[in-house]
Amino acid sequence: MVHLEKAVNEISLRVGALVKKSSVYESKPWGFRAESAFLNQVIVVNSNKSPDEVLDELLSIERKMGRTRVGKGYSSRIIDIDILYYNDELINQENLVIPHPRMHIRRFTLLPLVELAPGFIHPLLNKTNKELLNDCDDLIKVWKYNN
């Protein structure tokens, strides 16, 4: 939990003002096996930075917190910060794809996202976040974290 709190604080200092944040959700790892569960949270930030600048800041925060990226596969990590949306923009670059290309198939992302913005329409899939959650086939158990 301390890693999430530190990340949210760093994001609010370096990216932009924190508008709101979801509850924290716990889930089993997605796409690989690991010893411990993962904690997930979605935040909304008001930023005057470009999507590329936001990405650079987020990667810097991850590095500062001790994240090392090894290969392309999934693995346990101290922190993983993703950009789910940037307003309703569509971005498809080699190093940045917005909306996040796998968010609609991950229950651990959709539950906190729906808590904050159930009616927001995914600009590519043309469905609300709530509809994406209702359509999600992900069977990994996700529950609210009770610390």
N, C-alpha and C. Protein backbone atom coordinates (compact mmCIF):
# COMPACT_ATOMS: atom_id res chain seq x y z
N MET A 1 0.82 -1.19 0.00
CA MET A 1 0.00 0.00 0.00
C MET A 1 0.87 1.27 0.00
N VAL A 2 1.98 1.19 0.66
CA VAL A 2 2.88 2.34 0.74
C VAL A 2 3.40 2.73 -0.65
N HIS A 3 3.60 1.75 -1.52
CA HIS A 3 4.09 2.05 -2.88
C HIS A 3 3.03 2.82 -3.68
N LEU A 4 1.77 2.42 -3.54
CA LEU A 4 0.70 3.16 -4.22
C LEU A 4 0.61 4.59 -3.72
N GLU A 5 0.67 4.76 -2.43
CA GLU A 5 0.59 6.11 -1.85
C GLU A 5 1.75 6.98 -2.32
N LYS A 6 2.94 6.40 -2.36
CA LYS A 6 4.11 7.15 -2.81
C LYS A 6 3.97 7.51 -4.29
N ALA A 7 3.50 6.57 -5.10
CA ALA A 7 3.32 6.83 -6.53
C ALA A 7 2.29 7.94 -6.76
N VAL A 8 1.16 7.88 -6.07
CA VAL A 8 0.13 8.91 -6.22
C VAL A 8 0.69 10.27 -5.82
N ASN A 9 1.45 10.33 -4.74
CA ASN A 9 2.06 11.58 -4.32
C ASN A 9 3.03 12.12 -5.38
N GLU A 10 3.88 11.26 -5.89
CA GLU A 10 4.84 11.68 -6.93
C GLU A 10 4.13 12.15 -8.20
N ILE A 11 3.08 11.44 -8.58
CA ILE A 11 2.32 11.83 -9.78
C ILE A 11 1.70 13.20 -9.58
N SER A 12 1.13 13.44 -8.40
CA SER A 12 0.50 14.74 -8.16
C SER A 12 1.54 15.87 -8.14
N LEU A 13 2.76 15.56 -7.74
CA LEU A 13 3.82 16.58 -7.74
C LEU A 13 4.41 16.81 -9.13
N ARG A 14 4.53 15.75 -9.94
CA ARG A 14 5.28 15.83 -11.19
C ARG A 14 4.44 15.86 -12.46
N VAL A 15 3.21 15.36 -12.38
CA VAL A 15 2.36 15.27 -13.57
C VAL A 15 1.25 16.30 -13.54
N GLY A 16 0.55 16.37 -12.43
CA GLY A 16 -0.55 17.33 -12.32
C GLY A 16 -1.40 17.06 -11.10
N ALA A 17 -2.34 17.95 -10.88
CA ALA A 17 -3.18 17.91 -9.68
C ALA A 17 -4.06 16.66 -9.67
N LEU A 18 -4.08 16.00 -8.52
CA LEU A 18 -4.93 14.85 -8.32
C LEU A 18 -6.38 15.31 -8.23
N VAL A 19 -7.23 14.78 -9.10
CA VAL A 19 -8.65 15.14 -9.11
C VAL A 19 -9.44 14.18 -8.23
N LYS A 20 -9.20 12.87 -8.42
CA LYS A 20 -9.85 11.86 -7.58
C LYS A 20 -9.11 10.54 -7.72
N LYS A 21 -9.37 9.66 -6.75
CA LYS A 21 -8.75 8.35 -6.79
C LYS A 21 -9.76 7.30 -6.34
N SER A 22 -9.61 6.12 -6.90
CA SER A 22 -10.50 5.02 -6.58
C SER A 22 -10.08 4.36 -5.27
N SER A 23 -10.91 3.45 -4.83
CA SER A 23 -10.50 2.55 -3.76
C SER A 23 -9.34 1.71 -4.28
N VAL A 24 -8.66 1.04 -3.38
CA VAL A 24 -7.59 0.12 -3.77
C VAL A 24 -8.21 -1.26 -3.91
N TYR A 25 -7.83 -1.95 -4.98
CA TYR A 25 -8.33 -3.29 -5.26
C TYR A 25 -7.17 -4.27 -5.25
N GLU A 26 -7.46 -5.46 -4.80
CA GLU A 26 -6.45 -6.52 -4.74
C GLU A 26 -6.84 -7.60 -5.74
N SER A 27 -5.84 -8.18 -6.38
CA SER A 27 -6.12 -9.25 -7.35
C SER A 27 -4.93 -10.17 -7.46
N LYS A 28 -5.20 -11.32 -7.99
CA LYS A 28 -4.11 -12.22 -8.32
C LYS A 28 -3.43 -11.64 -9.55
N PRO A 29 -2.15 -11.96 -9.78
CA PRO A 29 -1.46 -11.46 -10.96
C PRO A 29 -2.16 -11.88 -12.25
N TRP A 30 -2.08 -11.02 -13.24
CA TRP A 30 -2.72 -11.25 -14.54
C TRP A 30 -1.65 -11.61 -15.55
N GLY A 31 -1.76 -12.76 -16.17
CA GLY A 31 -0.85 -13.13 -17.25
C GLY A 31 0.37 -13.91 -16.81
N PHE A 32 0.52 -14.16 -15.51
CA PHE A 32 1.66 -14.94 -15.01
C PHE A 32 1.38 -15.35 -13.56
N ARG A 33 2.21 -16.21 -13.03
CA ARG A 33 2.07 -16.65 -11.63
C ARG A 33 3.06 -15.88 -10.76
N ALA A 34 2.61 -15.54 -9.55
CA ALA A 34 3.47 -14.84 -8.60
C ALA A 34 3.07 -15.24 -7.19
N GLU A 35 3.99 -15.00 -6.26
CA GLU A 35 3.77 -15.37 -4.87
C GLU A 35 2.67 -14.54 -4.20
N SER A 36 2.60 -13.27 -4.51
CA SER A 36 1.67 -12.40 -3.78
C SER A 36 0.67 -11.74 -4.73
N ALA A 37 -0.41 -11.26 -4.13
CA ALA A 37 -1.43 -10.55 -4.89
C ALA A 37 -0.94 -9.16 -5.26
N PHE A 38 -1.64 -8.52 -6.18
CA PHE A 38 -1.30 -7.17 -6.62
C PHE A 38 -2.34 -6.19 -6.09
N LEU A 39 -1.91 -4.96 -5.85
CA LEU A 39 -2.81 -3.88 -5.48
C LEU A 39 -2.95 -2.94 -6.67
N ASN A 40 -4.15 -2.50 -6.93
CA ASN A 40 -4.44 -1.65 -8.08
C ASN A 40 -5.31 -0.48 -7.68
N GLN A 41 -5.05 0.65 -8.30
CA GLN A 41 -5.83 1.85 -8.05
C GLN A 41 -5.82 2.70 -9.31
N VAL A 42 -6.91 3.39 -9.56
CA VAL A 42 -7.00 4.31 -10.69
C VAL A 42 -7.11 5.71 -10.12
N ILE A 43 -6.37 6.64 -10.72
CA ILE A 43 -6.46 8.04 -10.33
C ILE A 43 -6.76 8.89 -11.56
N VAL A 44 -7.35 10.04 -11.31
CA VAL A 44 -7.60 11.03 -12.35
C VAL A 44 -6.74 12.24 -12.01
N VAL A 45 -5.99 12.70 -12.99
CA VAL A 45 -5.07 13.82 -12.80
C VAL A 45 -5.38 14.89 -13.84
N ASN A 46 -5.33 16.14 -13.43
CA ASN A 46 -5.45 17.26 -14.34
C ASN A 46 -4.04 17.75 -14.65
N SER A 47 -3.60 17.56 -15.90
CA SER A 47 -2.22 17.89 -16.26
C SER A 47 -2.18 18.79 -17.48
N ASN A 48 -1.17 19.67 -17.51
CA ASN A 48 -0.95 20.48 -18.71
C ASN A 48 0.18 19.89 -19.55
N LYS A 49 0.66 18.70 -19.18
CA LYS A 49 1.72 18.04 -19.92
C LYS A 49 1.14 17.24 -21.09
N SER A 50 1.94 17.07 -22.12
CA SER A 50 1.53 16.25 -23.27
C SER A 50 1.56 14.78 -22.86
N PRO A 51 0.89 13.92 -23.61
CA PRO A 51 0.95 12.48 -23.29
C PRO A 51 2.38 11.94 -23.22
N ASP A 52 3.25 12.36 -24.12
CA ASP A 52 4.64 11.91 -24.09
C ASP A 52 5.35 12.39 -22.83
N GLU A 53 5.09 13.64 -22.42
CA GLU A 53 5.69 14.16 -21.20
C GLU A 53 5.18 13.42 -19.98
N VAL A 54 3.88 13.09 -19.98
CA VAL A 54 3.31 12.32 -18.87
C VAL A 54 3.99 10.96 -18.79
N LEU A 55 4.12 10.29 -19.93
CA LEU A 55 4.78 8.99 -19.96
C LEU A 55 6.20 9.09 -19.41
N ASP A 56 6.96 10.08 -19.84
CA ASP A 56 8.34 10.25 -19.36
C ASP A 56 8.36 10.42 -17.83
N GLU A 57 7.44 11.22 -17.30
CA GLU A 57 7.38 11.43 -15.85
C GLU A 57 7.03 10.13 -15.13
N LEU A 58 6.07 9.37 -15.66
CA LEU A 58 5.65 8.13 -15.02
C LEU A 58 6.78 7.10 -15.01
N LEU A 59 7.50 6.99 -16.12
CA LEU A 59 8.63 6.07 -16.18
C LEU A 59 9.72 6.49 -15.20
N SER A 60 9.93 7.79 -15.07
CA SER A 60 10.91 8.30 -14.11
C SER A 60 10.50 7.98 -12.68
N ILE A 61 9.21 8.13 -12.38
CA ILE A 61 8.71 7.79 -11.05
C ILE A 61 8.92 6.30 -10.77
N GLU A 62 8.59 5.46 -11.74
CA GLU A 62 8.81 4.01 -11.57
C GLU A 62 10.27 3.71 -11.27
N ARG A 63 11.17 4.30 -12.04
CA ARG A 63 12.61 4.07 -11.81
C ARG A 63 13.03 4.54 -10.43
N LYS A 64 12.57 5.72 -10.04
CA LYS A 64 12.90 6.29 -8.73
C LYS A 64 12.43 5.37 -7.60
N MET A 65 11.32 4.68 -7.83
CA MET A 65 10.78 3.79 -6.81
C MET A 65 11.41 2.40 -6.84
N GLY A 66 12.31 2.16 -7.81
CA GLY A 66 13.02 0.89 -7.85
C GLY A 66 12.55 -0.09 -8.89
N ARG A 67 11.71 0.34 -9.81
CA ARG A 67 11.23 -0.56 -10.86
C ARG A 67 12.32 -0.76 -11.90
N THR A 68 12.57 -2.00 -12.23
CA THR A 68 13.46 -2.32 -13.35
C THR A 68 12.67 -3.13 -14.35
N ARG A 69 12.80 -2.79 -15.60
CA ARG A 69 12.08 -3.50 -16.67
C ARG A 69 13.02 -4.53 -17.29
N VAL A 70 12.54 -5.78 -17.31
CA VAL A 70 13.32 -6.88 -17.87
C VAL A 70 12.47 -7.61 -18.90
N GLY A 71 12.87 -7.54 -20.16
CA GLY A 71 12.14 -8.24 -21.21
C GLY A 71 10.77 -7.66 -21.47
N LYS A 72 10.00 -8.41 -22.26
CA LYS A 72 8.67 -7.94 -22.67
C LYS A 72 7.54 -8.62 -21.90
N GLY A 73 7.80 -9.70 -21.21
CA GLY A 73 6.75 -10.44 -20.52
C GLY A 73 6.34 -9.80 -19.20
N TYR A 74 5.33 -10.40 -18.59
CA TYR A 74 4.85 -9.93 -17.29
C TYR A 74 5.71 -10.52 -16.19
N SER A 75 5.90 -9.74 -15.13
CA SER A 75 6.65 -10.22 -13.97
C SER A 75 6.27 -9.39 -12.76
N SER A 76 6.59 -9.89 -11.58
CA SER A 76 6.34 -9.12 -10.36
C SER A 76 7.19 -7.85 -10.40
N ARG A 77 6.64 -6.78 -9.86
CA ARG A 77 7.36 -5.50 -9.85
C ARG A 77 6.85 -4.66 -8.69
N ILE A 78 7.69 -3.73 -8.28
CA ILE A 78 7.37 -2.89 -7.14
C ILE A 78 6.24 -1.92 -7.47
N ILE A 79 6.18 -1.46 -8.70
CA ILE A 79 5.16 -0.49 -9.13
C ILE A 79 5.02 -0.60 -10.65
N ASP A 80 3.82 -0.37 -11.13
CA ASP A 80 3.55 -0.35 -12.56
C ASP A 80 2.50 0.72 -12.79
N ILE A 81 2.87 1.78 -13.46
CA ILE A 81 1.96 2.91 -13.67
C ILE A 81 1.61 2.96 -15.16
N ASP A 82 0.33 2.89 -15.45
CA ASP A 82 -0.15 2.92 -16.83
C ASP A 82 -1.02 4.15 -17.06
N ILE A 83 -1.02 4.62 -18.29
CA ILE A 83 -1.96 5.65 -18.72
C ILE A 83 -3.12 4.92 -19.38
N LEU A 84 -4.29 5.02 -18.79
CA LEU A 84 -5.47 4.35 -19.36
C LEU A 84 -6.10 5.21 -20.43
N TYR A 85 -6.35 6.46 -20.10
CA TYR A 85 -6.92 7.44 -21.03
C TYR A 85 -6.13 8.73 -20.92
N TYR A 86 -6.19 9.51 -21.97
CA TYR A 86 -5.72 10.90 -21.94
C TYR A 86 -6.85 11.69 -22.60
N ASN A 87 -7.80 12.13 -21.75
CA ASN A 87 -9.06 12.69 -22.25
C ASN A 87 -9.68 11.67 -23.19
N ASP A 88 -10.06 12.09 -24.40
CA ASP A 88 -10.62 11.13 -25.35
C ASP A 88 -9.69 10.96 -26.56
N GLU A 89 -8.41 11.22 -26.34
CA GLU A 89 -7.43 11.13 -27.43
C GLU A 89 -7.11 9.68 -27.79
N LEU A 90 -6.80 9.49 -29.06
CA LEU A 90 -6.30 8.22 -29.57
C LEU A 90 -4.85 8.42 -29.96
N ILE A 91 -3.96 7.65 -29.34
CA ILE A 91 -2.53 7.75 -29.61
C ILE A 91 -2.02 6.35 -29.89
N ASN A 92 -1.31 6.21 -30.99
CA ASN A 92 -0.76 4.90 -31.35
C ASN A 92 0.67 5.09 -31.84
N GLN A 93 1.59 5.15 -30.88
CA GLN A 93 3.01 5.30 -31.16
C GLN A 93 3.71 4.02 -30.71
N GLU A 94 4.95 3.87 -31.11
CA GLU A 94 5.70 2.67 -30.74
C GLU A 94 5.80 2.51 -29.22
N ASN A 95 6.01 3.62 -28.51
CA ASN A 95 6.21 3.54 -27.07
C ASN A 95 4.99 3.96 -26.24
N LEU A 96 3.90 4.34 -26.88
CA LEU A 96 2.73 4.82 -26.16
C LEU A 96 1.46 4.58 -26.96
N VAL A 97 0.55 3.81 -26.36
CA VAL A 97 -0.76 3.57 -26.97
C VAL A 97 -1.83 3.97 -25.95
N ILE A 98 -2.68 4.91 -26.35
CA ILE A 98 -3.77 5.39 -25.51
C ILE A 98 -5.04 5.41 -26.36
N PRO A 99 -6.14 4.87 -25.84
CA PRO A 99 -6.33 4.22 -24.56
C PRO A 99 -5.46 2.98 -24.42
N HIS A 100 -5.24 2.59 -23.18
CA HIS A 100 -4.42 1.42 -22.91
C HIS A 100 -5.01 0.23 -23.67
N PRO A 101 -4.18 -0.47 -24.45
CA PRO A 101 -4.71 -1.50 -25.36
C PRO A 101 -5.29 -2.74 -24.69
N ARG A 102 -5.03 -2.98 -23.41
CA ARG A 102 -5.56 -4.18 -22.76
C ARG A 102 -6.46 -3.88 -21.57
N MET A 103 -6.75 -2.63 -21.34
CA MET A 103 -7.55 -2.30 -20.16
C MET A 103 -8.94 -2.91 -20.20
N HIS A 104 -9.52 -3.05 -21.37
CA HIS A 104 -10.89 -3.55 -21.48
C HIS A 104 -11.01 -5.06 -21.24
N ILE A 105 -9.88 -5.74 -21.13
CA ILE A 105 -9.91 -7.18 -20.87
C ILE A 105 -9.38 -7.51 -19.48
N ARG A 106 -9.18 -6.51 -18.64
CA ARG A 106 -8.62 -6.69 -17.30
C ARG A 106 -9.57 -6.19 -16.24
N ARG A 107 -10.17 -7.10 -15.52
CA ARG A 107 -11.11 -6.74 -14.45
C ARG A 107 -10.44 -5.87 -13.39
N PHE A 108 -9.15 -6.14 -13.08
CA PHE A 108 -8.47 -5.36 -12.04
C PHE A 108 -8.29 -3.91 -12.43
N THR A 109 -8.37 -3.60 -13.70
CA THR A 109 -8.32 -2.21 -14.17
C THR A 109 -9.72 -1.62 -14.25
N LEU A 110 -10.65 -2.40 -14.74
CA LEU A 110 -12.00 -1.89 -14.97
C LEU A 110 -12.77 -1.59 -13.69
N LEU A 111 -12.62 -2.41 -12.66
CA LEU A 111 -13.38 -2.15 -11.42
C LEU A 111 -13.06 -0.78 -10.82
N PRO A 112 -11.79 -0.44 -10.60
CA PRO A 112 -11.53 0.91 -10.06
C PRO A 112 -11.86 2.02 -11.06
N LEU A 113 -11.71 1.73 -12.34
CA LEU A 113 -12.04 2.73 -13.36
C LEU A 113 -13.54 3.03 -13.35
N VAL A 114 -14.36 2.01 -13.25
CA VAL A 114 -15.81 2.19 -13.21
C VAL A 114 -16.22 2.93 -11.94
N GLU A 115 -15.51 2.70 -10.85
CA GLU A 115 -15.80 3.43 -9.61
C GLU A 115 -15.69 4.94 -9.84
N LEU A 116 -14.72 5.36 -10.64
CA LEU A 116 -14.48 6.80 -10.86
C LEU A 116 -15.25 7.37 -12.05
N ALA A 117 -15.37 6.59 -13.11
CA ALA A 117 -15.93 7.14 -14.36
C ALA A 117 -16.75 6.09 -15.10
N PRO A 118 -17.87 5.66 -14.54
CA PRO A 118 -18.64 4.59 -15.18
C PRO A 118 -19.17 4.96 -16.56
N GLY A 119 -19.50 6.22 -16.76
CA GLY A 119 -20.10 6.64 -18.02
C GLY A 119 -19.14 7.14 -19.07
N PHE A 120 -17.83 7.20 -18.74
CA PHE A 120 -16.86 7.68 -19.72
C PHE A 120 -16.83 6.71 -20.89
N ILE A 121 -16.85 7.23 -22.11
CA ILE A 121 -16.90 6.39 -23.30
C ILE A 121 -15.50 6.17 -23.85
N HIS A 122 -15.13 4.91 -23.98
CA HIS A 122 -13.85 4.53 -24.58
C HIS A 122 -13.87 5.03 -26.02
N PRO A 123 -12.93 5.90 -26.39
CA PRO A 123 -12.99 6.55 -27.70
C PRO A 123 -12.75 5.62 -28.89
N LEU A 124 -12.23 4.45 -28.67
CA LEU A 124 -12.01 3.52 -29.76
C LEU A 124 -13.10 2.44 -29.81
N LEU A 125 -13.46 1.93 -28.65
CA LEU A 125 -14.44 0.84 -28.58
C LEU A 125 -15.88 1.35 -28.52
N ASN A 126 -16.03 2.64 -28.26
CA ASN A 126 -17.35 3.28 -28.24
C ASN A 126 -18.31 2.66 -27.23
N LYS A 127 -17.77 2.26 -26.09
CA LYS A 127 -18.56 1.73 -24.99
C LYS A 127 -18.16 2.47 -23.72
N THR A 128 -19.10 2.56 -22.78
CA THR A 128 -18.76 3.17 -21.50
C THR A 128 -17.87 2.21 -20.71
N ASN A 129 -17.19 2.74 -19.72
CA ASN A 129 -16.38 1.88 -18.85
C ASN A 129 -17.25 0.81 -18.20
N LYS A 130 -18.45 1.18 -17.79
CA LYS A 130 -19.38 0.22 -17.18
C LYS A 130 -19.73 -0.90 -18.17
N GLU A 131 -19.96 -0.55 -19.43
CA GLU A 131 -20.26 -1.56 -20.45
C GLU A 131 -19.04 -2.47 -20.67
N LEU A 132 -17.85 -1.87 -20.66
CA LEU A 132 -16.63 -2.67 -20.82
C LEU A 132 -16.51 -3.69 -19.69
N LEU A 133 -16.80 -3.25 -18.46
CA LEU A 133 -16.75 -4.16 -17.32
C LEU A 133 -17.79 -5.27 -17.47
N ASN A 134 -19.00 -4.91 -17.86
CA ASN A 134 -20.06 -5.91 -18.04
C ASN A 134 -19.70 -6.92 -19.12
N ASP A 135 -18.95 -6.50 -20.13
CA ASP A 135 -18.57 -7.38 -21.24
C ASP A 135 -17.27 -8.14 -20.98
N CYS A 136 -16.57 -7.81 -19.91
CA CYS A 136 -15.24 -8.36 -19.65
C CYS A 136 -15.33 -9.85 -19.29
N ASP A 137 -14.54 -10.67 -19.98
CA ASP A 137 -14.51 -12.12 -19.75
C ASP A 137 -13.43 -12.54 -18.75
N ASP A 138 -12.68 -11.59 -18.22
CA ASP A 138 -11.60 -11.89 -17.29
C ASP A 138 -12.18 -12.55 -16.03
N LEU A 139 -11.65 -13.71 -15.68
CA LEU A 139 -12.16 -14.46 -14.54
C LEU A 139 -11.31 -14.31 -13.28
N ILE A 140 -10.23 -13.54 -13.35
CA ILE A 140 -9.39 -13.36 -12.18
C ILE A 140 -10.18 -12.61 -11.11
N LYS A 141 -10.13 -13.13 -9.89
CA LYS A 141 -10.87 -12.54 -8.78
C LYS A 141 -10.23 -11.21 -8.38
N VAL A 142 -11.08 -10.21 -8.20
CA VAL A 142 -10.65 -8.87 -7.78
C VAL A 142 -11.56 -8.44 -6.63
N TRP A 143 -10.95 -7.92 -5.57
CA TRP A 143 -11.74 -7.50 -4.41
C TRP A 143 -11.15 -6.23 -3.84
N LYS A 144 -12.01 -5.47 -3.12
CA LYS A 144 -11.52 -4.25 -2.47
C LYS A 144 -10.53 -4.63 -1.39
N TYR A 145 -9.46 -3.89 -1.35
CA TYR A 145 -8.38 -4.13 -0.39
C TYR A 145 -8.78 -3.59 0.96
N ASN A 146 -8.63 -4.40 1.97
CA ASN A 146 -8.90 -3.98 3.36
C ASN A 146 -7.60 -4.04 4.13
N ASN A 147 -7.02 -2.87 4.38
CA ASN A 147 -5.73 -2.87 5.09
C ASN A 147 -5.91 -2.88 6.54
